[in-house]
Amino acid sequence: MVIPPPVRPPRITQFLKPYVLRMHFTNKYVSAQVIHTPTATVASSASSQEKALRSSLEIKRDVAAAAKIGKLLAERLLLKDIAAVSVHLKREQKYHGKVKAVIDSLRDAGVKLL
């Protein structure tokens, strides 16, 4: 069964940022995804659990892995012609460590942050 995306009134959608970056960190892995908010779908994602990255990463949860995830996500976003992304941080996430590594590698690869 396919669930259709939620329909938002046009008054709300004009204020939404179109693409939002969300990051998730566990004790084993790092993952990041960009969500298209008007349709509530995932535009692109990258994770240290992916088969292509497993062999190249020694430790899958440190700052270096987070930087590599950000670089890979930026490449995938630029292939889909998504040039600007807004960042959504959870309450416990601060611009430090892994979060900073992901955001800085996105910025260095050419993705504009709103």
N, C-alpha and C. Protein backbone atom coordinates (compact mmCIF):
# COMPACT_ATOMS: atom_id res chain seq x y z
N MET A 1 0.82 -1.15 0.00
CA MET A 1 0.00 0.00 0.00
C MET A 1 0.89 1.24 0.00
N VAL A 2 0.65 2.15 -0.89
CA VAL A 2 1.42 3.37 -1.00
C VAL A 2 0.67 4.51 -0.32
N ILE A 3 1.34 5.17 0.59
CA ILE A 3 0.72 6.28 1.30
C ILE A 3 1.10 7.57 0.58
N PRO A 4 0.14 8.37 0.15
CA PRO A 4 0.49 9.61 -0.55
C PRO A 4 1.10 10.61 0.42
N PRO A 5 1.95 11.52 -0.09
CA PRO A 5 2.54 12.53 0.79
C PRO A 5 1.47 13.47 1.33
N PRO A 6 1.74 14.06 2.48
CA PRO A 6 0.72 14.94 3.06
C PRO A 6 0.52 16.19 2.20
N VAL A 7 -0.71 16.63 2.11
CA VAL A 7 -1.04 17.83 1.34
C VAL A 7 -1.05 19.01 2.30
N ARG A 8 -0.19 19.97 2.02
CA ARG A 8 -0.12 21.15 2.88
C ARG A 8 -0.79 22.31 2.17
N PRO A 9 -1.43 23.19 2.92
CA PRO A 9 -2.02 24.36 2.29
C PRO A 9 -0.95 25.23 1.64
N PRO A 10 -1.27 25.92 0.56
CA PRO A 10 -0.25 26.72 -0.14
C PRO A 10 0.33 27.83 0.73
N ARG A 11 -0.43 28.25 1.71
CA ARG A 11 0.05 29.31 2.59
C ARG A 11 1.27 28.86 3.40
N ILE A 12 1.30 27.59 3.78
CA ILE A 12 2.42 27.06 4.56
C ILE A 12 3.61 26.75 3.65
N THR A 13 3.36 26.18 2.47
CA THR A 13 4.46 25.74 1.63
C THR A 13 5.32 26.88 1.10
N GLN A 14 4.80 28.10 1.07
CA GLN A 14 5.63 29.19 0.57
C GLN A 14 6.70 29.58 1.58
N PHE A 15 6.55 29.20 2.85
CA PHE A 15 7.54 29.52 3.86
C PHE A 15 8.48 28.37 4.18
N LEU A 16 8.21 27.18 3.66
CA LEU A 16 9.06 26.04 3.92
C LEU A 16 10.33 26.11 3.09
N LYS A 17 11.43 25.70 3.66
CA LYS A 17 12.67 25.56 2.90
C LYS A 17 12.51 24.30 2.06
N PRO A 18 12.88 24.34 0.77
CA PRO A 18 12.60 23.18 -0.07
C PRO A 18 13.42 21.93 0.28
N TYR A 19 14.68 22.08 0.63
CA TYR A 19 15.52 20.92 0.95
C TYR A 19 16.14 21.12 2.32
N VAL A 20 16.00 20.11 3.17
CA VAL A 20 16.50 20.18 4.54
C VAL A 20 17.46 19.02 4.79
N LEU A 21 18.62 19.34 5.36
CA LEU A 21 19.62 18.33 5.72
C LEU A 21 19.35 17.84 7.13
N ARG A 22 19.26 16.53 7.30
CA ARG A 22 19.10 15.92 8.61
C ARG A 22 20.19 14.89 8.80
N MET A 23 20.77 14.88 9.97
CA MET A 23 21.86 13.96 10.27
C MET A 23 21.48 13.07 11.44
N HIS A 24 21.99 11.84 11.41
CA HIS A 24 21.73 10.89 12.49
C HIS A 24 23.03 10.17 12.82
N PHE A 25 23.36 10.14 14.10
CA PHE A 25 24.60 9.52 14.56
C PHE A 25 24.27 8.46 15.59
N THR A 26 24.79 7.25 15.37
CA THR A 26 24.64 6.18 16.34
C THR A 26 26.03 5.83 16.87
N ASN A 27 26.09 4.85 17.74
CA ASN A 27 27.38 4.43 18.27
C ASN A 27 28.20 3.67 17.24
N LYS A 28 27.57 3.24 16.14
CA LYS A 28 28.28 2.49 15.11
C LYS A 28 28.40 3.23 13.79
N TYR A 29 27.40 4.03 13.41
CA TYR A 29 27.34 4.58 12.06
C TYR A 29 27.01 6.07 12.05
N VAL A 30 27.25 6.67 10.88
CA VAL A 30 26.89 8.06 10.61
C VAL A 30 26.01 8.06 9.37
N SER A 31 24.91 8.79 9.40
CA SER A 31 24.07 8.89 8.21
C SER A 31 23.53 10.31 8.08
N ALA A 32 23.33 10.72 6.84
CA ALA A 32 22.78 12.04 6.56
C ALA A 32 21.85 11.91 5.37
N GLN A 33 20.79 12.69 5.39
CA GLN A 33 19.85 12.68 4.27
C GLN A 33 19.29 14.07 4.05
N VAL A 34 18.94 14.33 2.80
CA VAL A 34 18.33 15.60 2.43
C VAL A 34 16.88 15.31 2.06
N ILE A 35 15.96 16.02 2.72
CA ILE A 35 14.54 15.77 2.55
C ILE A 35 13.91 16.93 1.79
N HIS A 36 13.09 16.60 0.79
CA HIS A 36 12.32 17.60 0.06
C HIS A 36 11.05 17.81 0.84
N THR A 37 10.93 18.96 1.52
CA THR A 37 9.83 19.16 2.46
C THR A 37 8.46 19.29 1.83
N PRO A 38 8.27 19.91 0.66
CA PRO A 38 6.89 19.98 0.13
C PRO A 38 6.29 18.61 -0.16
N THR A 39 7.11 17.65 -0.60
CA THR A 39 6.57 16.32 -0.90
C THR A 39 6.89 15.30 0.19
N ALA A 40 7.68 15.69 1.19
CA ALA A 40 8.06 14.81 2.30
C ALA A 40 8.75 13.54 1.81
N THR A 41 9.65 13.68 0.84
CA THR A 41 10.40 12.54 0.33
C THR A 41 11.89 12.79 0.51
N VAL A 42 12.66 11.72 0.49
CA VAL A 42 14.11 11.83 0.61
C VAL A 42 14.69 12.11 -0.77
N ALA A 43 15.38 13.24 -0.90
CA ALA A 43 15.98 13.60 -2.18
C ALA A 43 17.30 12.86 -2.39
N SER A 44 18.09 12.74 -1.34
CA SER A 44 19.37 12.05 -1.42
C SER A 44 19.81 11.67 -0.02
N SER A 45 20.62 10.61 0.07
CA SER A 45 21.10 10.19 1.38
C SER A 45 22.46 9.54 1.24
N ALA A 46 23.20 9.50 2.35
CA ALA A 46 24.50 8.82 2.41
C ALA A 46 24.67 8.29 3.82
N SER A 47 25.31 7.13 3.92
CA SER A 47 25.50 6.51 5.22
C SER A 47 26.80 5.73 5.23
N SER A 48 27.36 5.56 6.40
CA SER A 48 28.58 4.76 6.51
C SER A 48 28.27 3.26 6.49
N GLN A 49 27.00 2.90 6.40
CA GLN A 49 26.59 1.50 6.28
C GLN A 49 26.62 1.01 4.83
N GLU A 50 26.79 1.92 3.88
CA GLU A 50 26.74 1.54 2.47
C GLU A 50 27.92 0.64 2.12
N LYS A 51 27.65 -0.29 1.22
CA LYS A 51 28.66 -1.27 0.86
C LYS A 51 29.89 -0.64 0.22
N ALA A 52 29.69 0.41 -0.57
CA ALA A 52 30.80 1.05 -1.24
C ALA A 52 31.75 1.75 -0.26
N LEU A 53 31.21 2.20 0.87
CA LEU A 53 32.04 2.92 1.85
C LEU A 53 32.64 2.03 2.92
N ARG A 54 32.10 0.87 3.13
CA ARG A 54 32.57 0.01 4.20
C ARG A 54 34.05 -0.30 4.10
N SER A 55 34.52 -0.59 2.89
CA SER A 55 35.92 -0.98 2.73
C SER A 55 36.87 0.21 2.87
N SER A 56 36.42 1.41 2.53
CA SER A 56 37.30 2.57 2.57
C SER A 56 37.39 3.22 3.95
N LEU A 57 36.44 2.91 4.83
CA LEU A 57 36.44 3.49 6.18
C LEU A 57 36.95 2.48 7.19
N GLU A 58 37.93 2.88 7.99
CA GLU A 58 38.39 2.01 9.07
C GLU A 58 37.38 2.01 10.20
N ILE A 59 37.10 3.23 10.70
CA ILE A 59 36.11 3.40 11.76
C ILE A 59 34.91 4.11 11.14
N LYS A 60 33.73 3.57 11.34
CA LYS A 60 32.54 4.07 10.64
C LYS A 60 31.75 5.11 11.44
N ARG A 61 32.30 5.58 12.56
CA ARG A 61 31.53 6.49 13.40
C ARG A 61 32.28 7.75 13.82
N ASP A 62 33.51 7.95 13.34
CA ASP A 62 34.30 9.09 13.81
C ASP A 62 34.13 10.31 12.91
N VAL A 63 34.89 11.36 13.19
CA VAL A 63 34.77 12.62 12.48
C VAL A 63 35.20 12.47 11.02
N ALA A 64 36.21 11.65 10.76
CA ALA A 64 36.66 11.43 9.37
C ALA A 64 35.57 10.75 8.56
N ALA A 65 34.86 9.80 9.16
CA ALA A 65 33.75 9.15 8.46
C ALA A 65 32.63 10.14 8.19
N ALA A 66 32.37 11.04 9.13
CA ALA A 66 31.33 12.05 8.94
C ALA A 66 31.70 12.99 7.80
N ALA A 67 32.98 13.36 7.70
CA ALA A 67 33.42 14.23 6.61
C ALA A 67 33.27 13.53 5.27
N LYS A 68 33.57 12.25 5.23
CA LYS A 68 33.43 11.49 3.98
C LYS A 68 31.96 11.36 3.57
N ILE A 69 31.09 11.18 4.55
CA ILE A 69 29.64 11.11 4.28
C ILE A 69 29.15 12.44 3.71
N GLY A 70 29.60 13.56 4.28
CA GLY A 70 29.21 14.87 3.77
C GLY A 70 29.67 15.10 2.35
N LYS A 71 30.89 14.66 2.04
CA LYS A 71 31.42 14.82 0.68
C LYS A 71 30.62 13.98 -0.31
N LEU A 72 30.32 12.75 0.06
CA LEU A 72 29.54 11.87 -0.81
C LEU A 72 28.13 12.41 -1.02
N LEU A 73 27.52 12.91 0.04
CA LEU A 73 26.18 13.49 -0.07
C LEU A 73 26.19 14.71 -0.97
N ALA A 74 27.22 15.54 -0.86
CA ALA A 74 27.33 16.73 -1.72
C ALA A 74 27.46 16.34 -3.18
N GLU A 75 28.23 15.32 -3.48
CA GLU A 75 28.35 14.86 -4.87
C GLU A 75 27.01 14.38 -5.40
N ARG A 76 26.27 13.65 -4.59
CA ARG A 76 24.96 13.15 -5.03
C ARG A 76 23.96 14.29 -5.21
N LEU A 77 24.04 15.31 -4.35
CA LEU A 77 23.14 16.45 -4.49
C LEU A 77 23.44 17.24 -5.75
N LEU A 78 24.71 17.44 -6.05
CA LEU A 78 25.07 18.21 -7.24
C LEU A 78 24.72 17.45 -8.52
N LEU A 79 24.75 16.11 -8.47
CA LEU A 79 24.30 15.32 -9.63
C LEU A 79 22.81 15.50 -9.89
N LYS A 80 22.04 15.72 -8.82
CA LYS A 80 20.59 15.93 -8.96
C LYS A 80 20.23 17.41 -9.11
N ASP A 81 21.22 18.28 -9.30
CA ASP A 81 21.03 19.72 -9.47
C ASP A 81 20.37 20.38 -8.25
N ILE A 82 20.74 19.93 -7.07
CA ILE A 82 20.29 20.57 -5.83
C ILE A 82 21.49 21.35 -5.31
N ALA A 83 21.43 22.66 -5.43
CA ALA A 83 22.59 23.49 -5.11
C ALA A 83 22.51 24.12 -3.72
N ALA A 84 21.34 24.17 -3.11
CA ALA A 84 21.19 24.82 -1.81
C ALA A 84 20.38 23.94 -0.86
N VAL A 85 20.81 23.90 0.39
CA VAL A 85 20.19 23.05 1.41
C VAL A 85 20.14 23.84 2.71
N SER A 86 19.05 23.73 3.45
CA SER A 86 19.03 24.30 4.79
C SER A 86 19.31 23.20 5.79
N VAL A 87 19.87 23.56 6.92
CA VAL A 87 20.31 22.59 7.92
C VAL A 87 19.32 22.57 9.07
N HIS A 88 18.91 21.38 9.46
CA HIS A 88 18.02 21.22 10.62
C HIS A 88 18.79 20.43 11.67
N LEU A 89 19.10 21.08 12.79
CA LEU A 89 19.80 20.41 13.89
C LEU A 89 18.80 20.08 14.99
N LYS A 90 18.94 18.90 15.54
CA LYS A 90 18.12 18.53 16.68
C LYS A 90 18.57 19.32 17.90
N ARG A 91 17.80 19.25 18.95
CA ARG A 91 18.11 20.03 20.15
C ARG A 91 19.48 19.67 20.72
N GLU A 92 19.84 18.40 20.71
CA GLU A 92 21.09 17.98 21.32
C GLU A 92 22.29 18.13 20.38
N GLN A 93 22.06 18.45 19.11
CA GLN A 93 23.15 18.60 18.16
C GLN A 93 23.68 20.03 18.17
N LYS A 94 24.99 20.14 18.35
CA LYS A 94 25.64 21.44 18.30
C LYS A 94 26.59 21.44 17.11
N TYR A 95 26.93 22.64 16.63
CA TYR A 95 27.84 22.76 15.49
C TYR A 95 29.25 22.46 15.98
N HIS A 96 29.54 21.17 16.16
CA HIS A 96 30.83 20.76 16.70
C HIS A 96 31.04 19.29 16.37
N GLY A 97 32.25 18.88 16.12
CA GLY A 97 32.58 17.48 15.93
C GLY A 97 32.05 16.92 14.62
N LYS A 98 31.26 15.86 14.71
CA LYS A 98 30.74 15.18 13.51
C LYS A 98 29.79 16.07 12.73
N VAL A 99 28.96 16.83 13.43
CA VAL A 99 28.02 17.73 12.76
C VAL A 99 28.79 18.76 11.95
N LYS A 100 29.82 19.33 12.55
CA LYS A 100 30.64 20.32 11.85
C LYS A 100 31.34 19.69 10.65
N ALA A 101 31.81 18.45 10.79
CA ALA A 101 32.50 17.77 9.69
C ALA A 101 31.58 17.57 8.50
N VAL A 102 30.33 17.14 8.74
CA VAL A 102 29.37 16.93 7.66
C VAL A 102 29.05 18.25 6.97
N ILE A 103 28.75 19.27 7.76
CA ILE A 103 28.34 20.56 7.18
C ILE A 103 29.50 21.22 6.44
N ASP A 104 30.71 21.17 7.00
CA ASP A 104 31.86 21.78 6.33
C ASP A 104 32.22 21.07 5.03
N SER A 105 32.11 19.75 5.01
CA SER A 105 32.42 19.03 3.77
C SER A 105 31.35 19.29 2.70
N LEU A 106 30.10 19.48 3.10
CA LEU A 106 29.07 19.88 2.15
C LEU A 106 29.39 21.25 1.55
N ARG A 107 29.77 22.17 2.42
CA ARG A 107 30.08 23.52 1.98
C ARG A 107 31.32 23.54 1.07
N ASP A 108 32.33 22.76 1.42
CA ASP A 108 33.57 22.70 0.62
C ASP A 108 33.33 22.08 -0.75
N ALA A 109 32.36 21.18 -0.85
CA ALA A 109 32.08 20.52 -2.13
C ALA A 109 31.23 21.38 -3.06
N GLY A 110 30.71 22.50 -2.56
CA GLY A 110 29.98 23.41 -3.44
C GLY A 110 28.50 23.52 -3.20
N VAL A 111 27.98 22.91 -2.14
CA VAL A 111 26.57 23.03 -1.81
C VAL A 111 26.40 24.27 -0.93
N LYS A 112 25.46 25.12 -1.30
CA LYS A 112 25.21 26.34 -0.53
C LYS A 112 24.28 26.01 0.63
N LEU A 113 24.61 26.53 1.80
CA LEU A 113 23.78 26.29 2.99
C LEU A 113 22.93 27.52 3.28
N LEU A 114 21.64 27.30 3.48
CA LEU A 114 20.72 28.41 3.76
C LEU A 114 20.54 28.60 5.25
